[in-house]
C-alpha cells in the first residue's frame, strides 16, 4: 500500500486499465494494457506531460510498460 502522501504521485501509464478487487485485508490490483505502444497510431503527438511536480525523494513507483 501507499501512504496518503505518496498516492497523488503514482504514475499511471496511458492506455491502461487498473482493476481493484477488495479483499478482507487490503485490495488486489491488476493492470491491463489496452493498447501497446507499438499498436498506437503515430499521429505526431507525444505522450502528454503532466503538470504535477515530481515528488522529492520518491521511491520508484513506475509500473512496467506493455
C-alpha atoms as a PDB file:
ATOM      1  CA  UNK A   1       0.000   0.000   0.000  1.00  0.00           C
ATOM      2  CA  UNK A   2       0.841   3.617  -0.355  1.00  0.00           C
ATOM      3  CA  UNK A   3       0.610   6.387   2.154  1.00  0.00           C
ATOM      4  CA  UNK A   4      -1.705   9.331   1.551  1.00  0.00           C
ATOM      5  CA  UNK A   5       1.343  11.492   0.816  1.00  0.00           C
ATOM      6  CA  UNK A   6       2.562   9.138  -1.948  1.00  0.00           C
ATOM      7  CA  UNK A   7      -0.815   8.446  -3.600  1.00  0.00           C
ATOM      8  CA  UNK A   8      -1.111  11.638  -5.734  1.00  0.00           C
ATOM      9  CA  UNK A   9       2.303  10.979  -7.289  1.00  0.00           C
ATOM     10  CA  UNK A  10       1.704   7.458  -8.609  1.00  0.00           C
ATOM     11  CA  UNK A  11       2.417   7.318 -12.333  1.00  0.00           C
ATOM     12  CA  UNK A  12      -0.285   5.546 -14.304  1.00  0.00           C
ATOM     13  CA  UNK A  13       0.646   4.634 -17.871  1.00  0.00           C
ATOM     14  CA  UNK A  14      -1.557   5.684 -20.777  1.00  0.00           C
ATOM     15  CA  UNK A  15      -3.974   3.111 -22.205  1.00  0.00           C
ATOM     16  CA  UNK A  16      -4.035   1.012 -19.037  1.00  0.00           C
ATOM     17  CA  UNK A  17      -6.967  -0.195 -17.012  1.00  0.00           C
ATOM     18  CA  UNK A  18      -6.486  -0.715 -13.286  1.00  0.00           C
ATOM     19  CA  UNK A  19      -8.826  -3.260 -11.731  1.00  0.00           C
ATOM     20  CA  UNK A  20      -9.091  -3.055  -7.942  1.00  0.00           C
ATOM     21  CA  UNK A  21     -10.672  -6.010  -6.166  1.00  0.00           C
ATOM     22  CA  UNK A  22     -11.396  -5.518  -2.453  1.00  0.00           C
ATOM     23  CA  UNK A  23     -10.109  -8.215  -0.130  1.00  0.00           C
ATOM     24  CA  UNK A  24     -10.512  -8.744   3.598  1.00  0.00           C
ATOM     25  CA  UNK A  25      -7.150  -7.136   4.399  1.00  0.00           C
ATOM     26  CA  UNK A  26      -6.433  -4.770   1.540  1.00  0.00           C
ATOM     27  CA  UNK A  27      -7.024  -4.728  -2.167  1.00  0.00           C
ATOM     28  CA  UNK A  28      -5.830  -6.773  -5.156  1.00  0.00           C
ATOM     29  CA  UNK A  29      -4.572  -4.658  -8.064  1.00  0.00           C
ATOM     30  CA  UNK A  30      -4.481  -5.853 -11.656  1.00  0.00           C
ATOM     31  CA  UNK A  31      -3.197  -3.678 -14.523  1.00  0.00           C
ATOM     32  CA  UNK A  32      -4.359  -4.441 -18.033  1.00  0.00           C
ATOM     33  CA  UNK A  33      -2.704  -2.857 -21.067  1.00  0.00           C
ATOM     34  CA  UNK A  34      -5.429  -1.893 -23.533  1.00  0.00           C
ATOM     35  CA  UNK A  35      -3.132  -0.977 -26.408  1.00  0.00           C
ATOM     36  CA  UNK A  36       0.657  -1.431 -26.505  1.00  0.00           C
ATOM     37  CA  UNK A  37       2.699   1.485 -27.810  1.00  0.00           C
ATOM     38  CA  UNK A  38       3.630  -0.486 -30.914  1.00  0.00           C
ATOM     39  CA  UNK A  39      -0.039  -0.661 -31.988  1.00  0.00           C
ATOM     40  CA  UNK A  40      -0.865   3.017 -31.422  1.00  0.00           C
ATOM     41  CA  UNK A  41      -1.244   5.169 -34.492  1.00  0.00           C
ATOM     42  CA  UNK A  42       1.604   7.631 -34.817  1.00  0.00           C
ATOM     43  CA  UNK A  43      -0.234  10.941 -35.095  1.00  0.00           C
ATOM     44  CA  UNK A  44       2.852  13.059 -34.439  1.00  0.00           C
ATOM     45  CA  UNK A  45       1.880  13.834 -30.855  1.00  0.00           C
ATOM     46  CA  UNK A  46       3.983  12.856 -27.893  1.00  0.00           C
ATOM     47  CA  UNK A  47       2.543  11.496 -24.682  1.00  0.00           C
ATOM     48  CA  UNK A  48       1.098  14.320 -22.572  1.00  0.00           C
ATOM     49  CA  UNK A  49       3.348  15.906 -19.992  1.00  0.00           C
ATOM     50  CA  UNK A  50       1.822  16.117 -16.555  1.00  0.00           C
ATOM     51  CA  UNK A  51       1.748  19.427 -14.737  1.00  0.00           C
ATOM     52  CA  UNK A  52       2.201  17.728 -11.376  1.00  0.00           C
ATOM     53  CA  UNK A  53       5.623  18.240  -9.812  1.00  0.00           C
ATOM     54  CA  UNK A  54       7.795  15.242  -9.108  1.00  0.00           C
ATOM     55  CA  UNK A  55       7.666  14.047  -5.537  1.00  0.00           C
ATOM     56  CA  UNK A  56      11.009  14.709  -3.839  1.00  0.00           C
ATOM     57  CA  UNK A  57      12.899  11.599  -2.707  1.00  0.00           C
ATOM     58  CA  UNK A  58      10.238   9.353  -4.251  1.00  0.00           C
ATOM     59  CA  UNK A  59      10.776   5.656  -4.464  1.00  0.00           C
ATOM     60  CA  UNK A  60      10.369   4.066  -7.866  1.00  0.00           C
ATOM     61  CA  UNK A  61       6.590   3.828  -8.248  1.00  0.00           C
ATOM     62  CA  UNK A  62       6.671   3.262 -12.015  1.00  0.00           C
ATOM     63  CA  UNK A  63       4.885   0.306 -13.489  1.00  0.00           C
ATOM     64  CA  UNK A  64       6.463  -1.738 -16.257  1.00  0.00           C
ATOM     65  CA  UNK A  65       5.059  -0.880 -19.663  1.00  0.00           C
ATOM     66  CA  UNK A  66       3.409  -3.362 -22.028  1.00  0.00           C
END
